[in-house]
Every structure is written in structure tokens, then in C-alpha cells.
Amino acid sequence: KYPVIFHVYGEPWGQMATDTWIGLYDIFLAQQ
């Protein structure tokens, strides 16, 4: 079982679940 972090935006000026590079901070959090 893993702790989960929901990274959110949710308003008309941003889409989150995109097929773009996830970036270093998400890699770091996954390593944690």
C-alpha cells in the first residue's frame, strides 16, 4: 500500500493529465 498525492488544478485554464514530461519533482516524489 502506497501513500497517494493528488496534484490538482481543475479550472478552465489548465489541463493536468497530459502526455507531457512529468518533471523532476514528480520523479523525486515517486522515489520517496
ModelCIF file with pLDDT and N, C-alpha, C, O atoms, coordinates in Angstrom:
data_MODEL
#
_entry.id   MODEL 
#
_entity.id                         1 
_entity.type                       polymer 
_entity.pdbx_number_of_molecules   1 
#
_entity_poly.entity_id                      1 
_entity_poly.type                           'polypeptide(L)' 
_entity_poly.nstd_linkage                   no 
_entity_poly.nstd_monomer                   no 
_entity_poly.pdbx_seq_one_letter_code       KYPVIFHVYGEPWGQMATDTWIGLYDIFLAQQ 
_entity_poly.pdbx_seq_one_letter_code_can   KYPVIFHVYGEPWGQMATDTWIGLYDIFLAQQ 
_entity_poly.pdbx_strand_id                 A 
#
loop_
_entity_poly_seq.entity_id 
_entity_poly_seq.num 
_entity_poly_seq.mon_id 
_entity_poly_seq.hetero 
1 1  LYS n 
1 2  TYR n 
1 3  PRO n 
1 4  VAL n 
1 5  ILE n 
1 6  PHE n 
1 7  HIS n 
1 8  VAL n 
1 9  TYR n 
1 10 GLY n 
1 11 GLU n 
1 12 PRO n 
1 13 TRP n 
1 14 GLY n 
1 15 GLN n 
1 16 MET n 
1 17 ALA n 
1 18 THR n 
1 19 ASP n 
1 20 THR n 
1 21 TRP n 
1 22 ILE n 
1 23 GLY n 
1 24 LEU n 
1 25 TYR n 
1 26 ASP n 
1 27 ILE n 
1 28 PHE n 
1 29 LEU n 
1 30 ALA n 
1 31 GLN n 
1 32 GLN n 
#
_struct_asym.id          A 
_struct_asym.entity_id   1 
#
loop_
_ma_qa_metric.id 
_ma_qa_metric.mode 
_ma_qa_metric.name 
_ma_qa_metric.software_group_id 
_ma_qa_metric.type 
1 global pLDDT . pLDDT 
2 local  pLDDT . pLDDT 
#
_ma_qa_metric_global.metric_id      1 
_ma_qa_metric_global.metric_value   97.28 
_ma_qa_metric_global.model_id       1 
_ma_qa_metric_global.ordinal_id     1 
#
loop_
_ma_qa_metric_local.label_asym_id 
_ma_qa_metric_local.label_comp_id 
_ma_qa_metric_local.label_seq_id 
_ma_qa_metric_local.metric_id 
_ma_qa_metric_local.metric_value 
_ma_qa_metric_local.model_id 
_ma_qa_metric_local.ordinal_id 
A LYS 1  2 97.00 1 1  
A TYR 2  2 98.00 1 2  
A PRO 3  2 98.00 1 3  
A VAL 4  2 98.00 1 4  
A ILE 5  2 98.00 1 5  
A PHE 6  2 98.00 1 6  
A HIS 7  2 98.00 1 7  
A VAL 8  2 98.00 1 8  
A TYR 9  2 98.00 1 9  
A GLY 10 2 97.00 1 10 
A GLU 11 2 97.00 1 11 
A PRO 12 2 96.00 1 12 
A TRP 13 2 93.00 1 13 
A GLY 14 2 94.00 1 14 
A GLN 15 2 97.00 1 15 
A MET 16 2 97.00 1 16 
A ALA 17 2 98.00 1 17 
A THR 18 2 98.00 1 18 
A ASP 19 2 98.00 1 19 
A THR 20 2 97.00 1 20 
A TRP 21 2 97.00 1 21 
A ILE 22 2 97.00 1 22 
A GLY 23 2 96.00 1 23 
A LEU 24 2 97.00 1 24 
A TYR 25 2 98.00 1 25 
A ASP 26 2 98.00 1 26 
A ILE 27 2 98.00 1 27 
A PHE 28 2 98.00 1 28 
A LEU 29 2 98.00 1 29 
A ALA 30 2 98.00 1 30 
A GLN 31 2 98.00 1 31 
A GLN 32 2 97.00 1 32 
#
loop_
_atom_site.group_PDB 
_atom_site.id 
_atom_site.type_symbol 
_atom_site.label_atom_id 
_atom_site.label_alt_id 
_atom_site.label_comp_id 
_atom_site.label_asym_id 
_atom_site.label_entity_id 
_atom_site.label_seq_id 
_atom_site.pdbx_PDB_ins_code 
_atom_site.Cartn_x 
_atom_site.Cartn_y 
_atom_site.Cartn_z 
_atom_site.occupancy 
_atom_site.B_iso_or_equiv 
_atom_site.pdbx_formal_charge 
_atom_site.auth_seq_id 
_atom_site.auth_comp_id 
_atom_site.auth_asym_id 
_atom_site.auth_atom_id 
_atom_site.pdbx_PDB_model_num 
ATOM 1   N N  . LYS A 1 1  ? 0.849   -1.189 0.000   1.00 97.00 ? 1  LYS A N  1 
ATOM 2   C CA . LYS A 1 1  ? 0.000   0.000  0.000   1.00 97.00 ? 1  LYS A CA 1 
ATOM 3   C C  . LYS A 1 1  ? 0.886   1.241  0.000   1.00 97.00 ? 1  LYS A C  1 
ATOM 4   O O  . LYS A 1 1  ? 1.859   1.328  0.749   1.00 97.00 ? 1  LYS A O  1 
ATOM 5   N N  . TYR A 1 2  ? 0.526   2.207  -0.862  1.00 98.00 ? 2  TYR A N  1 
ATOM 6   C CA . TYR A 1 2  ? 1.342   3.397  -1.049  1.00 98.00 ? 2  TYR A CA 1 
ATOM 7   C C  . TYR A 1 2  ? 0.556   4.657  -0.685  1.00 98.00 ? 2  TYR A C  1 
ATOM 8   O O  . TYR A 1 2  ? -0.642  4.742  -0.953  1.00 98.00 ? 2  TYR A O  1 
ATOM 9   N N  . PRO A 1 3  ? 1.230   5.633  -0.075  1.00 98.00 ? 3  PRO A N  1 
ATOM 10  C CA . PRO A 1 3  ? 0.582   6.943  0.104   1.00 98.00 ? 3  PRO A CA 1 
ATOM 11  C C  . PRO A 1 3  ? 0.379   7.589  -1.259  1.00 98.00 ? 3  PRO A C  1 
ATOM 12  O O  . PRO A 1 3  ? 1.178   7.387  -2.173  1.00 98.00 ? 3  PRO A O  1 
ATOM 13  N N  . VAL A 1 4  ? -0.680  8.360  -1.394  1.00 98.00 ? 4  VAL A N  1 
ATOM 14  C CA . VAL A 1 4  ? -1.015  8.948  -2.679  1.00 98.00 ? 4  VAL A CA 1 
ATOM 15  C C  . VAL A 1 4  ? -1.061  10.466 -2.555  1.00 98.00 ? 4  VAL A C  1 
ATOM 16  O O  . VAL A 1 4  ? -1.524  11.008 -1.551  1.00 98.00 ? 4  VAL A O  1 
ATOM 17  N N  . ILE A 1 5  ? -0.573  11.143 -3.595  1.00 98.00 ? 5  ILE A N  1 
ATOM 18  C CA . ILE A 1 5  ? -0.657  12.606 -3.679  1.00 98.00 ? 5  ILE A CA 1 
ATOM 19  C C  . ILE A 1 5  ? -1.453  12.955 -4.931  1.00 98.00 ? 5  ILE A C  1 
ATOM 20  O O  . ILE A 1 5  ? -1.068  12.589 -6.042  1.00 98.00 ? 5  ILE A O  1 
ATOM 21  N N  . PHE A 1 6  ? -2.560  13.662 -4.747  1.00 98.00 ? 6  PHE A N  1 
ATOM 22  C CA . PHE A 1 6  ? -3.322  14.183 -5.875  1.00 98.00 ? 6  PHE A CA 1 
ATOM 23  C C  . PHE A 1 6  ? -2.814  15.589 -6.176  1.00 98.00 ? 6  PHE A C  1 
ATOM 24  O O  . PHE A 1 6  ? -2.951  16.496 -5.355  1.00 98.00 ? 6  PHE A O  1 
ATOM 25  N N  . HIS A 1 7  ? -2.227  15.765 -7.361  1.00 98.00 ? 7  HIS A N  1 
ATOM 26  C CA . HIS A 1 7  ? -1.774  17.089 -7.796  1.00 98.00 ? 7  HIS A CA 1 
ATOM 27  C C  . HIS A 1 7  ? -2.873  17.663 -8.677  1.00 98.00 ? 7  HIS A C  1 
ATOM 28  O O  . HIS A 1 7  ? -3.197  17.086 -9.715  1.00 98.00 ? 7  HIS A O  1 
ATOM 29  N N  . VAL A 1 8  ? -3.454  18.795 -8.277  1.00 98.00 ? 8  VAL A N  1 
ATOM 30  C CA . VAL A 1 8  ? -4.699  19.270 -8.875  1.00 98.00 ? 8  VAL A CA 1 
ATOM 31  C C  . VAL A 1 8  ? -4.574  20.680 -9.454  1.00 98.00 ? 8  VAL A C  1 
ATOM 32  O O  . VAL A 1 8  ? -3.710  21.460 -9.052  1.00 98.00 ? 8  VAL A O  1 
ATOM 33  N N  . TYR A 1 9  ? -5.437  20.979 -10.385 1.00 98.00 ? 9  TYR A N  1 
ATOM 34  C CA . TYR A 1 9  ? -5.717  22.352 -10.830 1.00 98.00 ? 9  TYR A CA 1 
ATOM 35  C C  . TYR A 1 9  ? -7.230  22.499 -10.932 1.00 98.00 ? 9  TYR A C  1 
ATOM 36  O O  . TYR A 1 9  ? -7.858  23.009 -10.004 1.00 98.00 ? 9  TYR A O  1 
ATOM 37  N N  . GLY A 1 10 ? -7.832  22.063 -12.042 1.00 97.00 ? 10 GLY A N  1 
ATOM 38  C CA . GLY A 1 10 ? -9.276  21.902 -12.074 1.00 97.00 ? 10 GLY A CA 1 
ATOM 39  C C  . GLY A 1 10 ? -10.102 23.067 -12.537 1.00 97.00 ? 10 GLY A C  1 
ATOM 40  O O  . GLY A 1 10 ? -11.329 22.983 -12.487 1.00 97.00 ? 10 GLY A O  1 
ATOM 41  N N  . GLU A 1 11 ? -9.496  24.174 -12.996 1.00 97.00 ? 11 GLU A N  1 
ATOM 42  C CA . GLU A 1 11 ? -10.253 25.315 -13.502 1.00 97.00 ? 11 GLU A CA 1 
ATOM 43  C C  . GLU A 1 11 ? -10.062 25.433 -15.014 1.00 97.00 ? 11 GLU A C  1 
ATOM 44  O O  . GLU A 1 11 ? -9.276  24.680 -15.588 1.00 97.00 ? 11 GLU A O  1 
ATOM 45  N N  . PRO A 1 12 ? -10.772 26.372 -15.680 1.00 96.00 ? 12 PRO A N  1 
ATOM 46  C CA . PRO A 1 12 ? -10.766 26.408 -17.150 1.00 96.00 ? 12 PRO A CA 1 
ATOM 47  C C  . PRO A 1 12 ? -9.430  26.735 -17.804 1.00 96.00 ? 12 PRO A C  1 
ATOM 48  O O  . PRO A 1 12 ? -9.329  26.682 -19.029 1.00 96.00 ? 12 PRO A O  1 
ATOM 49  N N  . TRP A 1 13 ? -8.401  27.073 -17.030 1.00 93.00 ? 13 TRP A N  1 
ATOM 50  C CA . TRP A 1 13 ? -7.132  27.446 -17.656 1.00 93.00 ? 13 TRP A CA 1 
ATOM 51  C C  . TRP A 1 13 ? -6.037  26.418 -17.443 1.00 93.00 ? 13 TRP A C  1 
ATOM 52  O O  . TRP A 1 13 ? -4.861  26.774 -17.515 1.00 93.00 ? 13 TRP A O  1 
ATOM 53  N N  . GLY A 1 14 ? -6.363  25.167 -17.186 1.00 94.00 ? 14 GLY A N  1 
ATOM 54  C CA . GLY A 1 14 ? -5.297  24.192 -17.036 1.00 94.00 ? 14 GLY A CA 1 
ATOM 55  C C  . GLY A 1 14 ? -5.764  22.756 -17.124 1.00 94.00 ? 14 GLY A C  1 
ATOM 56  O O  . GLY A 1 14 ? -6.763  22.377 -16.512 1.00 94.00 ? 14 GLY A O  1 
ATOM 57  N N  . GLN A 1 15 ? -5.032  21.954 -17.895 1.00 97.00 ? 15 GLN A N  1 
ATOM 58  C CA . GLN A 1 15 ? -5.277  20.522 -18.011 1.00 97.00 ? 15 GLN A CA 1 
ATOM 59  C C  . GLN A 1 15 ? -4.095  19.797 -17.375 1.00 97.00 ? 15 GLN A C  1 
ATOM 60  O O  . GLN A 1 15 ? -2.947  20.163 -17.627 1.00 97.00 ? 15 GLN A O  1 
ATOM 61  N N  . MET A 1 16 ? -4.350  18.788 -16.565 1.00 97.00 ? 16 MET A N  1 
ATOM 62  C CA . MET A 1 16 ? -3.298  18.156 -15.765 1.00 97.00 ? 16 MET A CA 1 
ATOM 63  C C  . MET A 1 16 ? -2.865  16.785 -16.284 1.00 97.00 ? 16 MET A C  1 
ATOM 64  O O  . MET A 1 16 ? -1.672  16.480 -16.289 1.00 97.00 ? 16 MET A O  1 
ATOM 65  N N  . ALA A 1 17 ? -3.800  15.969 -16.713 1.00 98.00 ? 17 ALA A N  1 
ATOM 66  C CA . ALA A 1 17 ? -3.480  14.588 -17.104 1.00 98.00 ? 17 ALA A CA 1 
ATOM 67  C C  . ALA A 1 17 ? -3.048  14.551 -18.560 1.00 98.00 ? 17 ALA A C  1 
ATOM 68  O O  . ALA A 1 17 ? -3.746  13.993 -19.407 1.00 98.00 ? 17 ALA A O  1 
ATOM 69  N N  . THR A 1 18 ? -1.890  15.148 -18.852 1.00 98.00 ? 18 THR A N  1 
ATOM 70  C CA . THR A 1 18 ? -1.416  15.287 -20.217 1.00 98.00 ? 18 THR A CA 1 
ATOM 71  C C  . THR A 1 18 ? -0.211  14.385 -20.466 1.00 98.00 ? 18 THR A C  1 
ATOM 72  O O  . THR A 1 18 ? 0.505   14.003 -19.540 1.00 98.00 ? 18 THR A O  1 
ATOM 73  N N  . ASP A 1 19 ? -0.009  14.060 -21.725 1.00 98.00 ? 19 ASP A N  1 
ATOM 74  C CA . ASP A 1 19 ? 1.117   13.208 -22.117 1.00 98.00 ? 19 ASP A CA 1 
ATOM 75  C C  . ASP A 1 19 ? 2.352   14.081 -22.361 1.00 98.00 ? 19 ASP A C  1 
ATOM 76  O O  . ASP A 1 19 ? 2.922   14.093 -23.452 1.00 98.00 ? 19 ASP A O  1 
ATOM 77  N N  . THR A 1 20 ? 2.743   14.804 -21.321 1.00 97.00 ? 20 THR A N  1 
ATOM 78  C CA . THR A 1 20 ? 3.938   15.638 -21.325 1.00 97.00 ? 20 THR A CA 1 
ATOM 79  C C  . THR A 1 20 ? 4.878   15.146 -20.230 1.00 97.00 ? 20 THR A C  1 
ATOM 80  O O  . THR A 1 20 ? 4.453   14.480 -19.286 1.00 97.00 ? 20 THR A O  1 
ATOM 81  N N  . TRP A 1 21 ? 6.155   15.479 -20.364 1.00 97.00 ? 21 TRP A N  1 
ATOM 82  C CA . TRP A 1 21 ? 7.140   15.005 -19.413 1.00 97.00 ? 21 TRP A CA 1 
ATOM 83  C C  . TRP A 1 21 ? 6.735   15.365 -17.987 1.00 97.00 ? 21 TRP A C  1 
ATOM 84  O O  . TRP A 1 21 ? 6.350   16.503 -17.715 1.00 97.00 ? 21 TRP A O  1 
ATOM 85  N N  . ILE A 1 22 ? 6.821   14.401 -17.081 1.00 97.00 ? 22 ILE A N  1 
ATOM 86  C CA . ILE A 1 22 ? 6.310   14.584 -15.721 1.00 97.00 ? 22 ILE A CA 1 
ATOM 87  C C  . ILE A 1 22 ? 7.171   15.518 -14.888 1.00 97.00 ? 22 ILE A C  1 
ATOM 88  O O  . ILE A 1 22 ? 6.676   16.096 -13.921 1.00 97.00 ? 22 ILE A O  1 
ATOM 89  N N  . GLY A 1 23 ? 8.424   15.684 -15.225 1.00 96.00 ? 23 GLY A N  1 
ATOM 90  C CA . GLY A 1 23 ? 9.276   16.611 -14.488 1.00 96.00 ? 23 GLY A CA 1 
ATOM 91  C C  . GLY A 1 23 ? 9.976   15.984 -13.301 1.00 96.00 ? 23 GLY A C  1 
ATOM 92  O O  . GLY A 1 23 ? 9.616   14.898 -12.847 1.00 96.00 ? 23 GLY A O  1 
ATOM 93  N N  . LEU A 1 24 ? 10.988  16.690 -12.804 1.00 97.00 ? 24 LEU A N  1 
ATOM 94  C CA . LEU A 1 24 ? 11.866  16.150 -11.765 1.00 97.00 ? 24 LEU A CA 1 
ATOM 95  C C  . LEU A 1 24 ? 11.178  15.998 -10.418 1.00 97.00 ? 24 LEU A C  1 
ATOM 96  O O  . LEU A 1 24 ? 11.459  15.050 -9.686  1.00 97.00 ? 24 LEU A O  1 
ATOM 97  N N  . TYR A 1 25 ? 10.272  16.927 -10.078 1.00 98.00 ? 25 TYR A N  1 
ATOM 98  C CA . TYR A 1 25 ? 9.684   16.857 -8.738  1.00 98.00 ? 25 TYR A CA 1 
ATOM 99  C C  . TYR A 1 25 ? 8.786   15.630 -8.598  1.00 98.00 ? 25 TYR A C  1 
ATOM 100 O O  . TYR A 1 25 ? 8.782   14.995 -7.543  1.00 98.00 ? 25 TYR A O  1 
ATOM 101 N N  . ASP A 1 26 ? 8.041   15.289 -9.618  1.00 98.00 ? 26 ASP A N  1 
ATOM 102 C CA . ASP A 1 26 ? 7.219   14.076 -9.557  1.00 98.00 ? 26 ASP A CA 1 
ATOM 103 C C  . ASP A 1 26 ? 8.095   12.824 -9.519  1.00 98.00 ? 26 ASP A C  1 
ATOM 104 O O  . ASP A 1 26 ? 7.764   11.857 -8.832  1.00 98.00 ? 26 ASP A O  1 
ATOM 105 N N  . ILE A 1 27 ? 9.216   12.838 -10.257 1.00 98.00 ? 27 ILE A N  1 
ATOM 106 C CA . ILE A 1 27 ? 10.153  11.717 -10.168 1.00 98.00 ? 27 ILE A CA 1 
ATOM 107 C C  . ILE A 1 27 ? 10.665  11.581 -8.745  1.00 98.00 ? 27 ILE A C  1 
ATOM 108 O O  . ILE A 1 27 ? 10.734  10.478 -8.203  1.00 98.00 ? 27 ILE A O  1 
ATOM 109 N N  . PHE A 1 28 ? 11.022  12.710 -8.144  1.00 98.00 ? 28 PHE A N  1 
ATOM 110 C CA . PHE A 1 28 ? 11.512  12.720 -6.764  1.00 98.00 ? 28 PHE A CA 1 
ATOM 111 C C  . PHE A 1 28 ? 10.467  12.170 -5.796  1.00 98.00 ? 28 PHE A C  1 
ATOM 112 O O  . PHE A 1 28 ? 10.790  11.343 -4.944  1.00 98.00 ? 28 PHE A O  1 
ATOM 113 N N  . LEU A 1 29 ? 9.219   12.619 -5.918  1.00 98.00 ? 29 LEU A N  1 
ATOM 114 C CA . LEU A 1 29 ? 8.164   12.146 -5.019  1.00 98.00 ? 29 LEU A CA 1 
ATOM 115 C C  . LEU A 1 29 ? 7.934   10.643 -5.180  1.00 98.00 ? 29 LEU A C  1 
ATOM 116 O O  . LEU A 1 29 ? 7.714   9.938  -4.196  1.00 98.00 ? 29 LEU A O  1 
ATOM 117 N N  . ALA A 1 30 ? 7.984   10.159 -6.410  1.00 98.00 ? 30 ALA A N  1 
ATOM 118 C CA . ALA A 1 30 ? 7.830   8.717  -6.632  1.00 98.00 ? 30 ALA A CA 1 
ATOM 119 C C  . ALA A 1 30 ? 8.977   7.953  -5.983  1.00 98.00 ? 30 ALA A C  1 
ATOM 120 O O  . ALA A 1 30 ? 8.768   6.862  -5.452  1.00 98.00 ? 30 ALA A O  1 
ATOM 121 N N  . GLN A 1 31 ? 10.174  8.504  -6.017  1.00 98.00 ? 31 GLN A N  1 
ATOM 122 C CA . GLN A 1 31 ? 11.318  7.863  -5.361  1.00 98.00 ? 31 GLN A CA 1 
ATOM 123 C C  . GLN A 1 31 ? 11.159  7.849  -3.839  1.00 98.00 ? 31 GLN A C  1 
ATOM 124 O O  . GLN A 1 31 ? 11.744  7.010  -3.153  1.00 98.00 ? 31 GLN A O  1 
ATOM 125 N N  . GLN A 1 32 ? 10.363  8.784  -3.324  1.00 97.00 ? 32 GLN A N  1 
ATOM 126 C CA . GLN A 1 32 ? 10.088  8.814  -1.886  1.00 97.00 ? 32 GLN A CA 1 
ATOM 127 C C  . GLN A 1 32 ? 8.987   7.832  -1.489  1.00 97.00 ? 32 GLN A C  1 
ATOM 128 O O  . GLN A 1 32 ? 8.638   7.738  -0.312  1.00 97.00 ? 32 GLN A O  1 
#
